[in-house]
Amino acid sequence: MRHMLVFAVLIALAAAPALAQDPVKVDAKHYKVVLENDQVRVLRITYGPKEKSVIHEHPAGIAVFLTDQNLRFHTPDGKSEVMTEKKGEAVWLAGGKHNPENLSDKALELILVEMKSKPKPK
């Protein structure tokens, strides 16, 4: 019986990172960390034409578009929203879970600055 409990704990620990739905872990093809510290994590995001991701989650942050964007965000509740932005624009994103899809016939690229909680004073 003890072996079953140990096995169950190991399975739960192995599954924990997947539950976090970190895009860098669940979709490394599209998401790369370019800088990280205790205040922000900066991601370079690239999608080829018509590519789609998997469901993942981001905290609030700032997106800076390096190319024109035509994306559809699918949310876990079954809804979707189209986001169209121009190269050079920057927008505030509230964060949350989604599954992005590049609707364009061209590749897209952006920088996402994810905000972390404020560091505690030393």
C-alpha atoms as a PDB file:
ATOM      1  CA  MET A   1       0.000   0.000   0.000  1.00  0.00           C
ATOM      2  CA  ARG A   2       2.856   2.362   0.839  1.00  0.00           C
ATOM      3  CA  HIS A   3       4.300   1.851  -2.665  1.00  0.00           C
ATOM      4  CA  MET A   4       0.989   2.923  -4.192  1.00  0.00           C
ATOM      5  CA  LEU A   5       1.030   6.134  -2.141  1.00  0.00           C
ATOM      6  CA  VAL A   6       4.611   6.947  -3.161  1.00  0.00           C
ATOM      7  CA  PHE A   7       3.736   6.255  -6.801  1.00  0.00           C
ATOM      8  CA  ALA A   8       0.674   8.537  -6.602  1.00  0.00           C
ATOM      9  CA  VAL A   9       2.756  11.355  -5.093  1.00  0.00           C
ATOM     10  CA  LEU A  10       5.393  11.009  -7.831  1.00  0.00           C
ATOM     11  CA  ILE A  11       2.720  11.151 -10.535  1.00  0.00           C
ATOM     12  CA  ALA A  12       1.187  14.256  -8.944  1.00  0.00           C
ATOM     13  CA  LEU A  13       4.581  15.972  -8.758  1.00  0.00           C
ATOM     14  CA  ALA A  14       5.340  15.135 -12.378  1.00  0.00           C
ATOM     15  CA  ALA A  15       1.967  16.525 -13.482  1.00  0.00           C
ATOM     16  CA  ALA A  16       2.262  19.775 -11.488  1.00  0.00           C
ATOM     17  CA  PRO A  17       4.281  21.695 -14.116  1.00  0.00           C
ATOM     18  CA  ALA A  18       1.766  20.772 -16.819  1.00  0.00           C
ATOM     19  CA  LEU A  19      -1.059  22.136 -14.683  1.00  0.00           C
ATOM     20  CA  ALA A  20       0.701  25.505 -14.530  1.00  0.00           C
ATOM     21  CA  GLN A  21       0.228  25.817 -18.332  1.00  0.00           C
ATOM     22  CA  ASP A  22       3.393  27.851 -18.796  1.00  0.00           C
ATOM     23  CA  PRO A  23       3.639  28.551 -22.544  1.00  0.00           C
ATOM     24  CA  VAL A  24       7.419  28.080 -22.506  1.00  0.00           C
ATOM     25  CA  LYS A  25       6.936  24.550 -21.174  1.00  0.00           C
ATOM     26  CA  VAL A  26       3.856  23.463 -23.120  1.00  0.00           C
ATOM     27  CA  ASP A  27       4.736  25.194 -26.430  1.00  0.00           C
ATOM     28  CA  ALA A  28       8.498  25.763 -26.641  1.00  0.00           C
ATOM     29  CA  LYS A  29       8.242  25.917 -30.435  1.00  0.00           C
ATOM     30  CA  HIS A  30       6.540  29.323 -30.236  1.00  0.00           C
ATOM     31  CA  TYR A  31       7.690  30.773 -26.869  1.00  0.00           C
ATOM     32  CA  LYS A  32      11.279  31.602 -25.841  1.00  0.00           C
ATOM     33  CA  VAL A  33      12.437  33.400 -22.683  1.00  0.00           C
ATOM     34  CA  VAL A  34      14.822  36.226 -23.596  1.00  0.00           C
ATOM     35  CA  LEU A  35      15.120  37.784 -20.126  1.00  0.00           C
ATOM     36  CA  GLU A  36      13.856  36.966 -16.660  1.00  0.00           C
ATOM     37  CA  ASN A  37      14.323  38.513 -13.242  1.00  0.00           C
ATOM     38  CA  ASP A  38      12.261  38.944 -10.078  1.00  0.00           C
ATOM     39  CA  GLN A  39      10.063  41.641 -11.690  1.00  0.00           C
ATOM     40  CA  VAL A  40       9.435  40.519 -15.295  1.00  0.00           C
ATOM     41  CA  ARG A  41       9.768  37.681 -17.756  1.00  0.00           C
ATOM     42  CA  VAL A  42      10.267  38.696 -21.380  1.00  0.00           C
ATOM     43  CA  LEU A  43       9.138  36.264 -24.073  1.00  0.00           C
ATOM     44  CA  ARG A  44       9.824  36.312 -27.809  1.00  0.00           C
ATOM     45  CA  ILE A  45       6.794  34.775 -29.486  1.00  0.00           C
ATOM     46  CA  THR A  46       6.814  33.568 -33.085  1.00  0.00           C
ATOM     47  CA  TYR A  47       4.127  31.771 -35.077  1.00  0.00           C
ATOM     48  CA  GLY A  48       4.311  30.616 -38.661  1.00  0.00           C
ATOM     49  CA  PRO A  49       1.422  31.159 -41.067  1.00  0.00           C
ATOM     50  CA  LYS A  50      -1.826  29.606 -39.802  1.00  0.00           C
ATOM     51  CA  GLU A  51      -0.086  28.004 -36.784  1.00  0.00           C
ATOM     52  CA  LYS A  52      -1.986  27.372 -33.563  1.00  0.00           C
ATOM     53  CA  SER A  53      -0.739  26.838 -30.021  1.00  0.00           C
ATOM     54  CA  VAL A  54      -2.130  24.847 -27.091  1.00  0.00           C
ATOM     55  CA  ILE A  55      -4.055  26.170 -24.106  1.00  0.00           C
ATOM     56  CA  HIS A  56      -1.733  28.051 -21.763  1.00  0.00           C
ATOM     57  CA  GLU A  57      -1.723  30.979 -19.357  1.00  0.00           C
ATOM     58  CA  HIS A  58       0.005  34.352 -19.038  1.00  0.00           C
ATOM     59  CA  PRO A  59       0.013  36.887 -16.222  1.00  0.00           C
ATOM     60  CA  ALA A  60      -0.753  40.525 -17.075  1.00  0.00           C
ATOM     61  CA  GLY A  61       1.785  42.143 -19.361  1.00  0.00           C
ATOM     62  CA  ILE A  62       2.699  44.363 -22.274  1.00  0.00           C
ATOM     63  CA  ALA A  63       2.810  43.048 -25.854  1.00  0.00           C
ATOM     64  CA  VAL A  64       4.975  44.826 -28.446  1.00  0.00           C
ATOM     65  CA  PHE A  65       4.246  43.720 -32.005  1.00  0.00           C
ATOM     66  CA  LEU A  66       7.216  43.206 -34.315  1.00  0.00           C
ATOM     67  CA  THR A  67       4.969  42.306 -37.252  1.00  0.00           C
ATOM     68  CA  ASP A  68       1.332  42.942 -38.138  1.00  0.00           C
ATOM     69  CA  GLN A  69      -0.930  40.599 -36.173  1.00  0.00           C
ATOM     70  CA  ASN A  70      -4.174  38.833 -36.976  1.00  0.00           C
ATOM     71  CA  LEU A  71      -4.783  36.389 -34.127  1.00  0.00           C
ATOM     72  CA  ARG A  72      -7.752  34.496 -32.759  1.00  0.00           C
ATOM     73  CA  PHE A  73      -7.664  33.695 -29.057  1.00  0.00           C
ATOM     74  CA  HIS A  74      -9.709  30.656 -28.054  1.00  0.00           C
ATOM     75  CA  THR A  75     -10.605  30.578 -24.328  1.00  0.00           C
ATOM     76  CA  PRO A  76     -11.381  27.562 -22.121  1.00  0.00           C
ATOM     77  CA  ASP A  77     -15.076  28.570 -21.956  1.00  0.00           C
ATOM     78  CA  GLY A  78     -15.425  27.967 -25.712  1.00  0.00           C
ATOM     79  CA  LYS A  79     -15.447  31.636 -26.727  1.00  0.00           C
ATOM     80  CA  SER A  80     -12.996  33.269 -29.102  1.00  0.00           C
ATOM     81  CA  GLU A  81     -11.818  36.786 -29.862  1.00  0.00           C
ATOM     82  CA  VAL A  82      -9.903  38.179 -32.833  1.00  0.00           C
ATOM     83  CA  MET A  83      -7.033  40.609 -32.161  1.00  0.00           C
ATOM     84  CA  THR A  84      -5.608  42.693 -35.004  1.00  0.00           C
ATOM     85  CA  GLU A  85      -2.589  44.912 -34.302  1.00  0.00           C
ATOM     86  CA  LYS A  86      -0.042  46.737 -36.431  1.00  0.00           C
ATOM     87  CA  LYS A  87       3.747  46.413 -36.350  1.00  0.00           C
ATOM     88  CA  GLY A  88       5.204  48.759 -33.716  1.00  0.00           C
ATOM     89  CA  GLU A  89       2.071  48.958 -31.570  1.00  0.00           C
ATOM     90  CA  ALA A  90       2.126  48.093 -27.876  1.00  0.00           C
ATOM     91  CA  VAL A  91      -0.880  46.990 -25.813  1.00  0.00           C
ATOM     92  CA  TRP A  92      -1.638  46.055 -22.220  1.00  0.00           C
ATOM     93  CA  LEU A  93      -2.928  42.485 -21.812  1.00  0.00           C
ATOM     94  CA  ALA A  94      -4.800  41.526 -18.649  1.00  0.00           C
ATOM     95  CA  GLY A  95      -3.536  37.941 -18.718  1.00  0.00           C
ATOM     96  CA  GLY A  96      -5.414  34.669 -18.545  1.00  0.00           C
ATOM     97  CA  LYS A  97      -5.787  31.322 -20.282  1.00  0.00           C
ATOM     98  CA  HIS A  98      -6.061  31.058 -24.051  1.00  0.00           C
ATOM     99  CA  ASN A  99      -5.088  29.157 -27.160  1.00  0.00           C
ATOM    100  CA  PRO A 100      -3.795  31.568 -29.855  1.00  0.00           C
ATOM    101  CA  GLU A 101      -4.124  30.943 -33.583  1.00  0.00           C
ATOM    102  CA  ASN A 102      -2.354  32.928 -36.310  1.00  0.00           C
ATOM    103  CA  LEU A 103      -5.050  33.692 -38.887  1.00  0.00           C
ATOM    104  CA  SER A 104      -2.576  35.221 -41.331  1.00  0.00           C
ATOM    105  CA  ASP A 105      -0.707  33.720 -44.273  1.00  0.00           C
ATOM    106  CA  LYS A 106       2.407  35.430 -42.885  1.00  0.00           C
ATOM    107  CA  ALA A 107       4.537  34.700 -39.833  1.00  0.00           C
ATOM    108  CA  LEU A 108       3.963  36.830 -36.757  1.00  0.00           C
ATOM    109  CA  GLU A 109       6.370  37.913 -34.059  1.00  0.00           C
ATOM    110  CA  LEU A 110       6.013  39.851 -30.832  1.00  0.00           C
ATOM    111  CA  ILE A 111       7.664  40.524 -27.504  1.00  0.00           C
ATOM    112  CA  LEU A 112       5.595  39.916 -24.375  1.00  0.00           C
ATOM    113  CA  VAL A 113       6.723  41.428 -21.082  1.00  0.00           C
ATOM    114  CA  GLU A 114       4.991  39.413 -18.356  1.00  0.00           C
ATOM    115  CA  MET A 115       4.686  41.209 -15.038  1.00  0.00           C
ATOM    116  CA  LYS A 116       5.595  39.453 -11.796  1.00  0.00           C
ATOM    117  CA  SER A 117       4.499  40.460  -8.337  1.00  0.00           C
ATOM    118  CA  LYS A 118       6.492  43.295  -6.802  1.00  0.00           C
ATOM    119  CA  PRO A 119       9.703  42.181  -5.115  1.00  0.00           C
ATOM    120  CA  LYS A 120       9.768  42.423  -1.350  1.00  0.00           C
ATOM    121  CA  PRO A 121      12.026  45.135   0.132  1.00  0.00           C
ATOM    122  CA  LYS A 122      15.365  43.848   1.325  1.00  0.00           C
END
